C-alpha atoms as a PDB file:
ATOM      1  CA  MET A   1      32.858   9.412 -35.610  1.00  0.00           C
ATOM      2  CA  ASP A   2      29.583  11.514 -34.541  1.00  0.00           C
ATOM      3  CA  LEU A   3      27.772   8.036 -34.582  1.00  0.00           C
ATOM      4  CA  VAL A   4      30.238   6.436 -32.594  1.00  0.00           C
ATOM      5  CA  TRP A   5      29.742   9.318 -29.670  1.00  0.00           C
ATOM      6  CA  LEU A   6      26.178   9.144 -30.228  1.00  0.00           C
ATOM      7  CA  ILE A   7      25.907   5.365 -29.576  1.00  0.00           C
ATOM      8  CA  LEU A   8      28.293   5.518 -26.611  1.00  0.00           C
ATOM      9  CA  LEU A   9      25.719   8.182 -25.178  1.00  0.00           C
ATOM     10  CA  VAL A  10      22.854   6.130 -25.770  1.00  0.00           C
ATOM     11  CA  PHE A  11      24.467   3.367 -23.945  1.00  0.00           C
ATOM     12  CA  ALA A  12      25.779   5.450 -21.093  1.00  0.00           C
ATOM     13  CA  VAL A  13      22.180   6.915 -20.493  1.00  0.00           C
ATOM     14  CA  ALA A  14      20.764   3.372 -20.387  1.00  0.00           C
ATOM     15  CA  ALA A  15      23.233   2.211 -17.832  1.00  0.00           C
ATOM     16  CA  LEU A  16      22.519   5.291 -15.550  1.00  0.00           C
ATOM     17  CA  GLY A  17      19.057   4.611 -16.016  1.00  0.00           C
ATOM     18  CA  LEU A  18      19.055   0.830 -15.258  1.00  0.00           C
ATOM     19  CA  LEU A  19      21.171   1.678 -12.248  1.00  0.00           C
ATOM     20  CA  ALA A  20      18.893   4.260 -10.827  1.00  0.00           C
ATOM     21  CA  GLY A  21      15.936   2.113 -11.289  1.00  0.00           C
ATOM     22  CA  THR A  22      17.332  -0.948  -9.333  1.00  0.00           C
ATOM     23  CA  SER A  23      18.634   0.937  -6.428  1.00  0.00           C
ATOM     24  CA  ARG A  24      16.173  -0.470  -3.884  1.00  0.00           C
ATOM     25  CA  THR A  25      17.493  -1.668  -0.808  1.00  0.00           C
ATOM     26  CA  ARG A  26      16.258  -4.952   1.077  1.00  0.00           C
ATOM     27  CA  ASP A  27      14.641  -2.626   3.792  1.00  0.00           C
ATOM     28  CA  ASP A  28      12.675  -1.092   0.959  1.00  0.00           C
ATOM     29  CA  LEU A  29      11.443  -4.419  -0.172  1.00  0.00           C
ATOM     30  CA  ARG A  30      10.801  -5.721   3.414  1.00  0.00           C
ATOM     31  CA  ALA A  31       8.567  -2.612   3.883  1.00  0.00           C
ATOM     32  CA  ARG A  32       6.918  -2.985   0.608  1.00  0.00           C
ATOM     33  CA  GLY A  33       6.187  -6.608   1.788  1.00  0.00           C
ATOM     34  CA  ARG A  34       4.907  -5.730   5.090  1.00  0.00           C
ATOM     35  CA  TRP A  35       2.684  -3.109   3.621  1.00  0.00           C
ATOM     36  CA  ASP A  36       1.366  -5.643   0.889  1.00  0.00           C
ATOM     37  CA  THR A  37       0.604  -8.146   3.559  1.00  0.00           C
ATOM     38  CA  ARG A  38      -1.162  -5.749   6.263  1.00  0.00           C
ATOM     39  CA  PHE A  39      -3.185  -4.213   3.119  1.00  0.00           C
ATOM     40  CA  GLU A  40      -4.325  -7.981   2.219  1.00  0.00           C
ATOM     41  CA  LEU A  41      -5.135  -9.014   5.607  1.00  0.00           C
ATOM     42  CA  GLU A  42      -7.211  -5.557   5.874  1.00  0.00           C
ATOM     43  CA  SER A  43      -9.140  -6.185   2.721  1.00  0.00           C
ATOM     44  CA  ARG A  44      -9.772  -9.644   3.474  1.00  0.00           C
ATOM     45  CA  ARG A  45     -11.360  -9.134   6.999  1.00  0.00           C
ATOM     46  CA  GLN A  46     -14.880 -10.233   7.603  1.00  0.00           C
ATOM     47  CA  THR A  47     -17.075  -7.923  10.072  1.00  0.00           C
ATOM     48  CA  HIS A  48     -20.230  -9.989  11.165  1.00  0.00           C
ATOM     49  CA  THR A  49     -22.984  -7.784  12.461  1.00  0.00           C
ATOM     50  CA  ASP A  50     -26.011  -8.592  14.426  1.00  0.00           C
ATOM     51  CA  ALA A  51     -29.570  -8.642  13.384  1.00  0.00           C
ATOM     52  CA  THR A  52     -29.702  -4.891  13.670  1.00  0.00           C
ATOM     53  CA  GLY A  53     -26.668  -4.113  11.481  1.00  0.00           C
ATOM     54  CA  MET A  54     -24.913  -2.398  14.119  1.00  0.00           C
ATOM     55  CA  LEU A  55     -21.041  -2.716  14.131  1.00  0.00           C
ATOM     56  CA  ILE A  56     -18.681  -2.187  17.122  1.00  0.00           C
ATOM     57  CA  CYS A  57     -15.777  -0.227  16.745  1.00  0.00           C
ATOM     58  CA  ARG A  58     -12.364  -1.925  17.379  1.00  0.00           C
ATOM     59  CA  SER A  59     -10.917   0.833  18.633  1.00  0.00           C
ATOM     60  CA  CYS A  60     -13.366   2.771  20.985  1.00  0.00           C
ATOM     61  CA  GLY A  61     -16.182   0.256  21.521  1.00  0.00           C
ATOM     62  CA  THR A  62     -18.789   2.824  19.854  1.00  0.00           C
ATOM     63  CA  GLY A  63     -21.649   1.115  18.010  1.00  0.00           C
ATOM     64  CA  ALA A  64     -22.319   2.418  14.295  1.00  0.00           C
ATOM     65  CA  PRO A  65     -24.433   1.229  11.405  1.00  0.00           C
ATOM     66  CA  GLU A  66     -22.989  -1.357   9.254  1.00  0.00           C
ATOM     67  CA  ARG A  67     -23.576   1.262   6.206  1.00  0.00           C
ATOM     68  CA  VAL A  68     -21.469   4.367   7.511  1.00  0.00           C
ATOM     69  CA  GLY A  69     -18.451   2.647   7.033  1.00  0.00           C
ATOM     70  CA  ARG A  70     -16.396   4.364   9.838  1.00  0.00           C
ATOM     71  CA  CYS A  71     -16.666   4.858  13.380  1.00  0.00           C
ATOM     72  CA  PRO A  72     -18.627   8.492  14.211  1.00  0.00           C
ATOM     73  CA  ALA A  73     -16.430   8.629  17.438  1.00  0.00           C
ATOM     74  CA  CYS A  74     -12.887   8.138  16.311  1.00  0.00           C
ATOM     75  CA  GLY A  75     -13.118   7.622  12.489  1.00  0.00           C
ATOM     76  CA  ALA A  76     -11.386   4.262  12.382  1.00  0.00           C
ATOM     77  CA  VAL A  77     -12.684   1.496   9.602  1.00  0.00           C
ATOM     78  CA  LEU A  78     -15.364  -0.493  10.846  1.00  0.00           C
END
């Protein structure tokens, strides 16, 4: 009889685990998809420099060297 209760307990815990793991809503999945899309676009974006290696910040228009990676004025990614 103890073996039967043990098996039922294991199945109950497994069922609760499955229910808890699959409780994502459609809004969560859409938000994740939007984040993934934005990340992909940002990671594949190409920046073109002039002969001096200077980039212009898209947010504030400040010029910064290409190797810096971030705008010195506003901190945006170049």
